[in-house]
Structure formats: C-alpha cells, structure tokens
C-alpha cells in the first residue's frame, strides 16, 4: 500500500551525496565487468592461439569495443547530469539532477549500463549472448510507442467531437423551439 500524504523532497546536499554513491556504484559495475572480461579474453586468446587458432573473431573484439563505447557514453552522460554547482564561496548551489529519480533519463542510462555488463559477462560463455543487447533498442521502441506514437495515433480527431456537439446543439434548439 502506498504511503499517504505528500512525497518528501530531497535537499541539494542529499542529492549530491546520492549521486556520488550512484556514480561510484556504476563505476564499480563497469570496472568489474571489464576486468573480468579482459582476463577471460586474455585467457581465451591464449588458448585460441595455442589450440583453437581463429575461433576468436573480429566481431568478438568489435562488440567489446562497442560495449566500452556504451559504458563511456552512458557514464559521461550520467556524470554530466549529476554535476553540482558551487558558489564562489564554496557553498553548494545545486546538487545536480537526481540520478535516482524514477522514470528519468538517468534510470534508462543505468539500465543500459547494467544490460551491457550482464551481456558482456555472459558473452564469455558464448558469443550468441551479444544478441541480448538487442533488448535495448526494443525497450527504446516500446517507450517511444507508449509515450509518443501510440497516443498520437489513437487520439481522436478534434473535428469529430465538434460535429457531434453541433448536432446535439441543433437537436436541443429544435426541442426548445417545440416547447415554445
């Protein structure tokens, strides 16, 4: 059951502290996935060079570079949103955008980072796990449809209600004329 009353607001200092904690957590997620991935790839490359030469493809390395680009872009966007503003005397003017706000852009960026980390770690088992990254554009299309395209396509035309209202108005006028 949802709590009753007004939702509490966060202060600038609390937003700053939570943003720093959030950025630190996602830095650890990114580093953890990449360190594990790097060691696994180095091991796999050593085994591939000695035993299965050629099974590590160009596409595997390309997807690793793509994952790194996604990490850098998402993390830099989040850190830019969370950048605090200080006055000349050093006091906090603005704590930045709250990265833990529900349904905000930062929420989607965090989802992209987590999806990329999960896919990257799972791809050490088989390269087919990279296809799970297609969930990100699928989610983006779903949000686009639900929030913009769907309501736009299913909205009633503004001329139809006016015609109905005009017809109703004429009927009412006729009824009134009959009464008098």
N, C-alpha and C. Protein backbone atom coordinates (compact mmCIF):
# COMPACT_ATOMS: atom_id res chain seq x y z
N UNK A 1 0.85 -1.17 0.00
CA UNK A 1 0.00 0.00 0.00
C UNK A 1 0.90 1.24 0.00
N UNK A 2 0.57 2.19 -0.81
CA UNK A 2 1.37 3.41 -0.94
C UNK A 2 1.19 4.28 0.30
N UNK A 3 2.27 4.96 0.71
CA UNK A 3 2.14 5.85 1.86
C UNK A 3 1.26 7.05 1.53
N UNK A 4 0.52 7.49 2.53
CA UNK A 4 -0.38 8.63 2.34
C UNK A 4 0.39 9.92 2.54
N UNK A 5 -0.12 10.96 1.95
CA UNK A 5 0.47 12.28 2.14
C UNK A 5 1.40 12.67 1.01
N UNK A 6 2.04 13.79 1.22
CA UNK A 6 2.93 14.37 0.23
C UNK A 6 4.24 13.59 0.19
N UNK A 7 4.76 13.41 -1.02
CA UNK A 7 6.05 12.75 -1.18
C UNK A 7 7.14 13.72 -0.75
N UNK A 8 8.05 13.23 0.09
CA UNK A 8 9.12 14.09 0.59
C UNK A 8 10.10 14.47 -0.50
N UNK A 9 10.64 15.65 -0.38
CA UNK A 9 11.62 16.11 -1.35
C UNK A 9 13.02 15.98 -0.76
N UNK A 10 13.98 15.90 -1.62
CA UNK A 10 15.36 15.76 -1.19
C UNK A 10 16.05 17.12 -1.24
N UNK A 11 16.96 17.30 -0.32
CA UNK A 11 17.74 18.52 -0.33
C UNK A 11 18.89 18.42 -1.32
N UNK A 12 19.51 19.57 -1.60
CA UNK A 12 20.61 19.61 -2.56
C UNK A 12 21.78 18.75 -2.11
N UNK A 13 22.08 18.80 -0.82
CA UNK A 13 23.21 18.04 -0.31
C UNK A 13 22.93 16.54 -0.38
N UNK A 14 21.71 16.13 -0.06
CA UNK A 14 21.35 14.72 -0.13
C UNK A 14 21.41 14.21 -1.57
N UNK A 15 20.95 15.02 -2.52
CA UNK A 15 21.01 14.64 -3.93
C UNK A 15 22.47 14.48 -4.36
N UNK A 16 23.33 15.41 -3.93
CA UNK A 16 24.76 15.34 -4.27
C UNK A 16 25.38 14.05 -3.73
N UNK A 17 25.10 13.74 -2.47
CA UNK A 17 25.68 12.53 -1.86
C UNK A 17 25.16 11.26 -2.54
N UNK A 18 23.87 11.21 -2.84
CA UNK A 18 23.31 10.03 -3.50
C UNK A 18 23.83 9.89 -4.92
N UNK A 19 24.01 11.02 -5.62
CA UNK A 19 24.57 10.97 -6.96
C UNK A 19 26.00 10.44 -6.94
N UNK A 20 26.79 10.88 -5.97
CA UNK A 20 28.16 10.39 -5.86
C UNK A 20 28.18 8.89 -5.58
N UNK A 21 27.29 8.44 -4.70
CA UNK A 21 27.21 7.00 -4.41
C UNK A 21 26.76 6.21 -5.64
N UNK A 22 25.80 6.74 -6.38
CA UNK A 22 25.32 6.07 -7.59
C UNK A 22 26.42 5.98 -8.63
N UNK A 23 27.14 7.07 -8.84
CA UNK A 23 28.22 7.05 -9.83
C UNK A 23 29.33 6.09 -9.40
N UNK A 24 29.62 6.03 -8.10
CA UNK A 24 30.64 5.11 -7.62
C UNK A 24 30.21 3.66 -7.85
N UNK A 25 28.93 3.36 -7.60
CA UNK A 25 28.42 2.01 -7.81
C UNK A 25 28.54 1.60 -9.27
N UNK A 26 28.12 2.48 -10.18
CA UNK A 26 28.17 2.13 -11.60
C UNK A 26 29.60 2.11 -12.13
N UNK A 27 30.50 2.85 -11.52
CA UNK A 27 31.92 2.73 -11.88
C UNK A 27 32.41 1.34 -11.52
N UNK A 28 32.01 0.86 -10.36
CA UNK A 28 32.41 -0.49 -9.94
C UNK A 28 31.80 -1.56 -10.84
N UNK A 29 30.55 -1.38 -11.26
CA UNK A 29 29.91 -2.33 -12.17
C UNK A 29 30.68 -2.39 -13.49
N UNK A 30 30.99 -1.23 -14.04
CA UNK A 30 31.70 -1.16 -15.31
C UNK A 30 33.09 -1.78 -15.19
N UNK A 31 33.82 -1.40 -14.15
CA UNK A 31 35.17 -1.94 -13.96
C UNK A 31 35.13 -3.44 -13.70
N UNK A 32 34.17 -3.89 -12.90
CA UNK A 32 34.06 -5.31 -12.61
C UNK A 32 33.80 -6.14 -13.85
N UNK A 33 32.88 -5.67 -14.68
CA UNK A 33 32.59 -6.41 -15.91
C UNK A 33 33.78 -6.39 -16.86
N UNK A 34 34.46 -5.27 -16.96
CA UNK A 34 35.58 -5.17 -17.90
C UNK A 34 36.81 -5.90 -17.41
N UNK A 35 37.09 -5.88 -16.12
CA UNK A 35 38.24 -6.60 -15.61
C UNK A 35 38.04 -8.10 -15.81
N UNK A 36 36.84 -8.58 -15.47
CA UNK A 36 36.54 -10.00 -15.66
C UNK A 36 36.63 -10.35 -17.13
N UNK A 37 36.03 -9.50 -17.96
CA UNK A 37 36.02 -9.75 -19.39
C UNK A 37 37.44 -9.74 -19.96
N UNK A 38 38.27 -8.82 -19.53
CA UNK A 38 39.63 -8.72 -20.04
C UNK A 38 40.43 -9.98 -19.68
N UNK A 39 40.34 -10.42 -18.43
CA UNK A 39 41.06 -11.63 -18.04
C UNK A 39 40.56 -12.85 -18.80
N UNK A 40 39.25 -12.94 -18.96
CA UNK A 40 38.70 -14.09 -19.69
C UNK A 40 39.15 -14.03 -21.14
N UNK A 41 39.10 -12.85 -21.77
CA UNK A 41 39.52 -12.74 -23.16
C UNK A 41 41.01 -13.03 -23.32
N UNK A 42 41.81 -12.58 -22.38
CA UNK A 42 43.24 -12.88 -22.46
C UNK A 42 43.47 -14.39 -22.36
N UNK A 43 42.75 -15.04 -21.45
CA UNK A 43 42.87 -16.49 -21.30
C UNK A 43 42.37 -17.19 -22.57
N UNK A 44 41.21 -16.76 -23.06
CA UNK A 44 40.64 -17.37 -24.26
C UNK A 44 41.56 -17.14 -25.46
N UNK A 45 42.15 -15.95 -25.56
CA UNK A 45 43.06 -15.68 -26.66
C UNK A 45 44.30 -16.57 -26.58
N UNK A 46 44.81 -16.75 -25.38
CA UNK A 46 45.99 -17.61 -25.22
C UNK A 46 45.64 -19.04 -25.62
N UNK A 47 44.48 -19.53 -25.18
CA UNK A 47 44.07 -20.88 -25.55
C UNK A 47 43.80 -20.96 -27.05
N UNK A 48 43.16 -19.93 -27.60
CA UNK A 48 42.86 -19.93 -29.02
C UNK A 48 44.14 -19.93 -29.85
N UNK A 49 45.12 -19.16 -29.43
CA UNK A 49 46.37 -19.11 -30.19
C UNK A 49 47.10 -20.44 -30.13
N UNK A 50 47.00 -21.11 -28.99
CA UNK A 50 47.71 -22.38 -28.85
C UNK A 50 46.92 -23.56 -29.40
N UNK A 51 45.60 -23.57 -29.19
CA UNK A 51 44.81 -24.75 -29.52
C UNK A 51 43.83 -24.49 -30.67
N UNK A 52 42.99 -23.47 -30.49
CA UNK A 52 41.91 -23.23 -31.45
C UNK A 52 42.15 -21.93 -32.22
N UNK A 53 43.22 -21.83 -32.89
CA UNK A 53 43.56 -20.60 -33.58
C UNK A 53 42.43 -20.17 -34.52
N UNK A 54 42.01 -18.95 -34.37
CA UNK A 54 40.99 -18.41 -35.26
C UNK A 54 39.57 -18.45 -34.74
N UNK A 55 39.30 -19.04 -33.58
CA UNK A 55 37.91 -19.09 -33.11
C UNK A 55 37.49 -17.78 -32.45
N UNK A 56 38.45 -16.96 -32.05
CA UNK A 56 38.12 -15.64 -31.54
C UNK A 56 38.08 -14.70 -32.73
N UNK A 57 36.90 -14.22 -33.05
CA UNK A 57 36.71 -13.49 -34.30
C UNK A 57 36.86 -11.99 -34.11
N UNK A 58 36.89 -11.33 -35.24
CA UNK A 58 36.91 -9.87 -35.28
C UNK A 58 35.67 -9.31 -34.62
N UNK A 59 34.52 -9.97 -34.79
CA UNK A 59 33.25 -9.49 -34.25
C UNK A 59 33.25 -9.49 -32.72
N UNK A 60 33.93 -10.45 -32.14
CA UNK A 60 34.02 -10.50 -30.68
C UNK A 60 34.73 -9.26 -30.15
N UNK A 61 35.82 -8.91 -30.80
CA UNK A 61 36.57 -7.73 -30.38
C UNK A 61 35.80 -6.45 -30.69
N UNK A 62 35.09 -6.44 -31.81
CA UNK A 62 34.28 -5.27 -32.16
C UNK A 62 33.17 -5.05 -31.12
N UNK A 63 32.55 -6.13 -30.68
CA UNK A 63 31.49 -6.00 -29.67
C UNK A 63 32.06 -5.53 -28.33
N UNK A 64 33.27 -5.94 -28.01
CA UNK A 64 33.92 -5.46 -26.79
C UNK A 64 34.16 -3.96 -26.87
N UNK A 65 34.63 -3.49 -28.00
CA UNK A 65 34.84 -2.05 -28.19
C UNK A 65 33.50 -1.31 -28.15
N UNK A 66 32.47 -1.90 -28.73
CA UNK A 66 31.14 -1.30 -28.70
C UNK A 66 30.63 -1.18 -27.26
N UNK A 67 30.84 -2.23 -26.47
CA UNK A 67 30.44 -2.20 -25.05
C UNK A 67 31.18 -1.09 -24.31
N UNK A 68 32.45 -0.95 -24.58
CA UNK A 68 33.22 0.11 -23.93
C UNK A 68 32.69 1.49 -24.32
N UNK A 69 32.32 1.65 -25.59
CA UNK A 69 31.75 2.93 -26.04
C UNK A 69 30.42 3.20 -25.35
N UNK A 70 29.60 2.17 -25.17
CA UNK A 70 28.32 2.33 -24.46
C UNK A 70 28.57 2.74 -23.02
N UNK A 71 29.53 2.08 -22.37
CA UNK A 71 29.87 2.43 -20.99
C UNK A 71 30.30 3.88 -20.88
N UNK A 72 31.22 4.28 -21.74
CA UNK A 72 31.75 5.64 -21.67
C UNK A 72 30.65 6.66 -21.92
N UNK A 73 29.84 6.43 -22.95
CA UNK A 73 28.77 7.38 -23.26
C UNK A 73 27.74 7.48 -22.15
N UNK A 74 27.31 6.35 -21.63
CA UNK A 74 26.29 6.36 -20.57
C UNK A 74 26.83 6.98 -19.29
N UNK A 75 28.05 6.60 -18.92
CA UNK A 75 28.61 7.11 -17.67
C UNK A 75 28.88 8.61 -17.76
N UNK A 76 29.39 9.06 -18.89
CA UNK A 76 29.65 10.50 -19.03
C UNK A 76 28.34 11.30 -19.03
N UNK A 77 27.30 10.75 -19.61
CA UNK A 77 26.01 11.44 -19.58
C UNK A 77 25.49 11.54 -18.16
N UNK A 78 25.61 10.44 -17.41
CA UNK A 78 25.15 10.47 -16.01
C UNK A 78 25.98 11.44 -15.18
N UNK A 79 27.29 11.45 -15.37
CA UNK A 79 28.12 12.35 -14.56
C UNK A 79 27.88 13.80 -14.95
N UNK A 80 27.55 14.06 -16.21
CA UNK A 80 27.23 15.44 -16.62
C UNK A 80 25.91 15.88 -16.00
N UNK A 81 24.94 14.97 -15.91
CA UNK A 81 23.65 15.32 -15.29
C UNK A 81 23.81 15.57 -13.80
N UNK A 82 24.72 14.86 -13.17
CA UNK A 82 24.88 14.94 -11.71
C UNK A 82 25.89 15.99 -11.29
N UNK A 83 26.41 16.77 -12.22
CA UNK A 83 27.44 17.75 -11.89
C UNK A 83 26.87 18.84 -10.99
N UNK A 84 27.45 19.02 -9.80
CA UNK A 84 26.94 20.03 -8.88
C UNK A 84 27.45 21.43 -9.26
N UNK A 85 26.73 22.42 -8.77
CA UNK A 85 27.13 23.81 -8.98
C UNK A 85 27.45 24.42 -7.62
N UNK A 86 28.62 25.03 -7.52
CA UNK A 86 29.07 25.65 -6.28
C UNK A 86 29.17 27.16 -6.47
N UNK A 87 28.93 27.89 -5.38
CA UNK A 87 29.09 29.34 -5.39
C UNK A 87 30.58 29.68 -5.25
N UNK A 88 30.90 30.95 -5.40
CA UNK A 88 32.29 31.38 -5.29
C UNK A 88 32.86 31.13 -3.90
N UNK A 89 32.00 31.19 -2.89
CA UNK A 89 32.47 30.95 -1.52
C UNK A 89 32.55 29.47 -1.18
N UNK A 90 32.20 28.59 -2.13
CA UNK A 90 32.30 27.15 -1.92
C UNK A 90 31.02 26.49 -1.44
N UNK A 91 29.98 27.26 -1.26
CA UNK A 91 28.71 26.67 -0.81
C UNK A 91 28.00 26.02 -2.01
N UNK A 92 27.21 25.01 -1.70
CA UNK A 92 26.52 24.25 -2.73
C UNK A 92 25.29 25.00 -3.21
N UNK A 93 25.26 25.33 -4.50
CA UNK A 93 24.09 25.98 -5.08
C UNK A 93 23.08 24.97 -5.61
N UNK A 94 23.60 23.95 -6.32
CA UNK A 94 22.74 22.95 -6.93
C UNK A 94 23.45 21.60 -6.87
N UNK A 95 22.74 20.57 -6.45
CA UNK A 95 23.34 19.24 -6.34
C UNK A 95 23.31 18.45 -7.64
N UNK A 96 22.80 19.03 -8.71
CA UNK A 96 22.68 18.33 -9.99
C UNK A 96 21.34 17.62 -10.07
N UNK A 97 21.11 16.98 -11.19
CA UNK A 97 19.87 16.22 -11.37
C UNK A 97 19.95 14.96 -10.53
N UNK A 98 18.85 14.61 -9.91
CA UNK A 98 18.80 13.41 -9.08
C UNK A 98 18.87 12.16 -9.96
N UNK A 99 19.97 11.42 -9.87
CA UNK A 99 20.15 10.23 -10.69
C UNK A 99 19.26 9.07 -10.25
N UNK A 100 18.72 9.13 -9.05
CA UNK A 100 17.88 8.05 -8.53
C UNK A 100 16.40 8.33 -8.70
N UNK A 101 16.07 9.37 -9.47
CA UNK A 101 14.68 9.72 -9.72
C UNK A 101 14.06 8.66 -10.62
N UNK A 102 12.85 8.22 -10.29
CA UNK A 102 12.17 7.21 -11.08
C UNK A 102 11.71 7.80 -12.41
N UNK A 103 11.81 6.99 -13.46
CA UNK A 103 11.38 7.33 -14.81
C UNK A 103 12.12 8.53 -15.40
N UNK A 104 13.31 8.78 -14.93
CA UNK A 104 14.13 9.83 -15.51
C UNK A 104 15.09 9.25 -16.53
N UNK A 105 15.79 10.12 -17.23
CA UNK A 105 16.75 9.67 -18.24
C UNK A 105 17.87 8.87 -17.60
N UNK A 106 18.28 9.24 -16.39
CA UNK A 106 19.35 8.52 -15.71
C UNK A 106 18.94 7.07 -15.43
N UNK A 107 17.67 6.85 -15.19
CA UNK A 107 17.18 5.48 -14.95
C UNK A 107 17.41 4.61 -16.19
N UNK A 108 17.17 5.17 -17.35
CA UNK A 108 17.38 4.42 -18.59
C UNK A 108 18.87 4.20 -18.85
N UNK A 109 19.69 5.19 -18.53
CA UNK A 109 21.14 5.03 -18.70
C UNK A 109 21.68 3.96 -17.77
N UNK A 110 21.17 3.91 -16.54
CA UNK A 110 21.60 2.86 -15.61
C UNK A 110 21.19 1.49 -16.12
N UNK A 111 20.00 1.39 -16.70
CA UNK A 111 19.56 0.12 -17.27
C UNK A 111 20.47 -0.32 -18.42
N UNK A 112 20.89 0.63 -19.25
CA UNK A 112 21.78 0.31 -20.36
C UNK A 112 23.13 -0.18 -19.85
N UNK A 113 23.65 0.46 -18.80
CA UNK A 113 24.93 0.03 -18.23
C UNK A 113 24.81 -1.39 -17.66
N UNK A 114 23.74 -1.65 -16.92
CA UNK A 114 23.56 -2.98 -16.34
C UNK A 114 23.35 -4.04 -17.43
N UNK A 115 22.56 -3.73 -18.44
CA UNK A 115 22.35 -4.67 -19.53
C UNK A 115 23.66 -4.98 -20.24
N UNK A 116 24.46 -3.96 -20.49
CA UNK A 116 25.74 -4.16 -21.17
C UNK A 116 26.68 -5.00 -20.32
N UNK A 117 26.71 -4.75 -19.02
CA UNK A 117 27.59 -5.53 -18.14
C UNK A 117 27.16 -6.99 -18.11
N UNK A 118 25.85 -7.24 -18.02
CA UNK A 118 25.35 -8.61 -17.99
C UNK A 118 25.67 -9.32 -19.31
N UNK A 119 25.40 -8.65 -20.43
CA UNK A 119 25.66 -9.25 -21.73
C UNK A 119 27.16 -9.49 -21.92
N UNK A 120 27.96 -8.56 -21.47
CA UNK A 120 29.41 -8.70 -21.63
C UNK A 120 29.95 -9.88 -20.83
N UNK A 121 29.48 -10.05 -19.62
CA UNK A 121 29.94 -11.17 -18.81
C UNK A 121 29.42 -12.49 -19.38
N UNK A 122 28.15 -12.52 -19.80
CA UNK A 122 27.60 -13.75 -20.37
C UNK A 122 28.25 -14.11 -21.70
N UNK A 123 28.78 -13.12 -22.40
CA UNK A 123 29.38 -13.41 -23.70
C UNK A 123 30.68 -14.19 -23.57
N UNK A 124 31.19 -14.33 -22.36
CA UNK A 124 32.38 -15.17 -22.19
C UNK A 124 32.01 -16.64 -22.35
N UNK A 125 30.73 -16.97 -22.16
CA UNK A 125 30.26 -18.34 -22.35
C UNK A 125 30.12 -18.63 -23.84
N UNK A 126 29.37 -17.76 -24.52
CA UNK A 126 29.20 -17.89 -25.96
C UNK A 126 28.93 -16.51 -26.54
N UNK A 127 29.35 -16.31 -27.75
CA UNK A 127 29.17 -15.01 -28.41
C UNK A 127 27.72 -14.72 -28.74
N UNK A 128 26.87 -15.72 -28.70
CA UNK A 128 25.45 -15.50 -29.00
C UNK A 128 24.75 -14.63 -27.95
N UNK A 129 25.34 -14.51 -26.78
CA UNK A 129 24.73 -13.65 -25.76
C UNK A 129 24.77 -12.17 -26.15
N UNK A 130 25.61 -11.82 -27.13
CA UNK A 130 25.62 -10.42 -27.57
C UNK A 130 24.28 -10.03 -28.18
N UNK A 131 23.52 -11.00 -28.66
CA UNK A 131 22.21 -10.69 -29.23
C UNK A 131 21.24 -10.17 -28.18
N UNK A 132 21.50 -10.44 -26.92
CA UNK A 132 20.64 -9.89 -25.85
C UNK A 132 20.71 -8.37 -25.82
N UNK A 133 21.76 -7.82 -26.41
CA UNK A 133 21.87 -6.36 -26.41
C UNK A 133 20.78 -5.74 -27.28
N UNK A 134 20.13 -6.54 -28.09
CA UNK A 134 19.01 -6.03 -28.89
C UNK A 134 17.81 -5.67 -28.02
N UNK A 135 17.84 -6.05 -26.75
CA UNK A 135 16.78 -5.65 -25.83
C UNK A 135 16.75 -4.13 -25.63
N UNK A 136 17.90 -3.48 -25.72
CA UNK A 136 17.95 -2.03 -25.52
C UNK A 136 17.16 -1.28 -26.59
N UNK A 137 17.40 -1.52 -27.89
CA UNK A 137 16.56 -0.83 -28.88
C UNK A 137 15.10 -1.25 -28.81
N UNK A 138 14.83 -2.51 -28.43
CA UNK A 138 13.44 -2.94 -28.30
C UNK A 138 12.75 -2.15 -27.19
N UNK A 139 13.44 -1.96 -26.08
CA UNK A 139 12.88 -1.16 -24.97
C UNK A 139 12.68 0.30 -25.39
N UNK A 140 13.63 0.83 -26.15
CA UNK A 140 13.50 2.21 -26.63
C UNK A 140 12.30 2.36 -27.55
N UNK A 141 12.10 1.40 -28.44
CA UNK A 141 10.92 1.45 -29.32
C UNK A 141 9.63 1.31 -28.53
N UNK A 142 9.64 0.47 -27.50
CA UNK A 142 8.45 0.32 -26.65
C UNK A 142 8.13 1.64 -25.95
N UNK A 143 9.14 2.29 -25.38
CA UNK A 143 8.90 3.57 -24.71
C UNK A 143 8.44 4.63 -25.71
N UNK A 144 9.01 4.62 -26.91
CA UNK A 144 8.60 5.57 -27.94
C UNK A 144 7.14 5.36 -28.30
N UNK A 145 6.72 4.10 -28.44
CA UNK A 145 5.33 3.81 -28.79
C UNK A 145 4.39 4.19 -27.66
N UNK A 146 4.71 3.78 -26.43
CA UNK A 146 3.81 4.01 -25.30
C UNK A 146 3.67 5.49 -24.98
N UNK A 147 4.77 6.23 -25.05
CA UNK A 147 4.74 7.63 -24.60
C UNK A 147 4.43 8.64 -25.71
N UNK A 148 4.75 8.32 -26.97
CA UNK A 148 4.58 9.32 -28.02
C UNK A 148 3.71 8.83 -29.18
N UNK A 149 4.14 7.77 -29.83
CA UNK A 149 3.45 7.36 -31.06
C UNK A 149 2.06 6.79 -30.81
N UNK A 150 1.94 5.91 -29.82
CA UNK A 150 0.64 5.31 -29.53
C UNK A 150 -0.43 6.33 -29.22
N UNK A 151 -0.20 7.22 -28.27
CA UNK A 151 -1.22 8.24 -28.00
C UNK A 151 -1.50 9.15 -29.20
N UNK A 152 -0.48 9.40 -30.00
CA UNK A 152 -0.68 10.27 -31.15
C UNK A 152 -1.54 9.60 -32.21
N UNK A 153 -1.30 8.29 -32.47
CA UNK A 153 -2.08 7.56 -33.46
C UNK A 153 -3.51 7.29 -32.98
N UNK A 154 -3.68 7.05 -31.69
CA UNK A 154 -5.00 6.68 -31.19
C UNK A 154 -5.82 7.87 -30.71
N UNK A 155 -5.26 9.07 -30.78
CA UNK A 155 -6.00 10.26 -30.35
C UNK A 155 -7.15 10.53 -31.32
N UNK A 156 -8.26 10.97 -30.76
CA UNK A 156 -9.41 11.29 -31.60
C UNK A 156 -9.16 12.60 -32.31
N UNK A 157 -9.69 12.69 -33.51
CA UNK A 157 -9.51 13.93 -34.25
C UNK A 157 -10.34 15.03 -33.59
N UNK A 158 -9.85 16.25 -33.57
CA UNK A 158 -10.58 17.33 -32.90
C UNK A 158 -11.83 17.75 -33.64
N UNK A 159 -11.97 17.44 -34.93
CA UNK A 159 -13.16 17.87 -35.67
C UNK A 159 -14.37 17.00 -35.36
N UNK A 160 -14.20 15.75 -35.05
CA UNK A 160 -15.32 14.84 -34.79
C UNK A 160 -16.14 15.27 -33.57
N UNK A 161 -15.54 15.57 -32.44
CA UNK A 161 -16.36 15.98 -31.30
C UNK A 161 -17.12 17.28 -31.55
N UNK A 162 -16.55 18.18 -32.36
CA UNK A 162 -17.24 19.44 -32.64
C UNK A 162 -18.50 19.18 -33.46
N UNK A 163 -18.41 18.26 -34.43
CA UNK A 163 -19.59 17.94 -35.24
C UNK A 163 -20.68 17.33 -34.37
N UNK A 164 -20.31 16.44 -33.49
CA UNK A 164 -21.28 15.82 -32.60
C UNK A 164 -21.91 16.88 -31.71
N UNK A 165 -21.08 17.77 -31.20
CA UNK A 165 -21.62 18.82 -30.35
C UNK A 165 -22.55 19.74 -31.14
N UNK A 166 -22.22 20.02 -32.39
CA UNK A 166 -23.10 20.85 -33.21
C UNK A 166 -24.44 20.15 -33.44
N UNK A 167 -24.39 18.84 -33.70
CA UNK A 167 -25.63 18.08 -33.90
C UNK A 167 -26.47 18.08 -32.64
N UNK A 168 -25.84 17.88 -31.53
CA UNK A 168 -26.58 17.89 -30.25
C UNK A 168 -27.17 19.27 -30.00
N UNK A 169 -26.41 20.28 -30.33
CA UNK A 169 -26.90 21.63 -30.10
C UNK A 169 -28.12 21.91 -30.99
N UNK A 170 -28.09 21.47 -32.23
CA UNK A 170 -29.24 21.66 -33.12
C UNK A 170 -30.47 20.94 -32.59
N UNK A 171 -30.29 19.72 -32.11
CA UNK A 171 -31.40 18.96 -31.54
C UNK A 171 -32.00 19.69 -30.35
N UNK A 172 -31.12 20.18 -29.50
CA UNK A 172 -31.61 20.90 -28.32
C UNK A 172 -32.37 22.16 -28.73
N UNK A 173 -31.86 22.85 -29.75
CA UNK A 173 -32.57 24.04 -30.23
C UNK A 173 -33.95 23.69 -30.78
N UNK A 174 -34.04 22.58 -31.52
CA UNK A 174 -35.32 22.15 -32.06
C UNK A 174 -36.29 21.81 -30.94
N UNK A 175 -35.81 21.11 -29.94
CA UNK A 175 -36.65 20.74 -28.80
C UNK A 175 -37.17 22.00 -28.09
N UNK A 176 -36.28 22.94 -27.92
CA UNK A 176 -36.68 24.18 -27.26
C UNK A 176 -37.71 24.94 -28.08
N UNK A 177 -37.54 24.93 -29.41
CA UNK A 177 -38.49 25.62 -30.28
C UNK A 177 -39.87 24.95 -30.21
N UNK A 178 -39.92 23.63 -30.08
CA UNK A 178 -41.18 22.91 -29.99
C UNK A 178 -41.88 23.25 -28.69
N UNK A 179 -41.12 23.45 -27.63
CA UNK A 179 -41.72 23.75 -26.33
C UNK A 179 -42.38 25.13 -26.35
N UNK A 180 -41.82 26.05 -27.05
CA UNK A 180 -42.37 27.41 -27.06
C UNK A 180 -43.35 27.51 -28.13
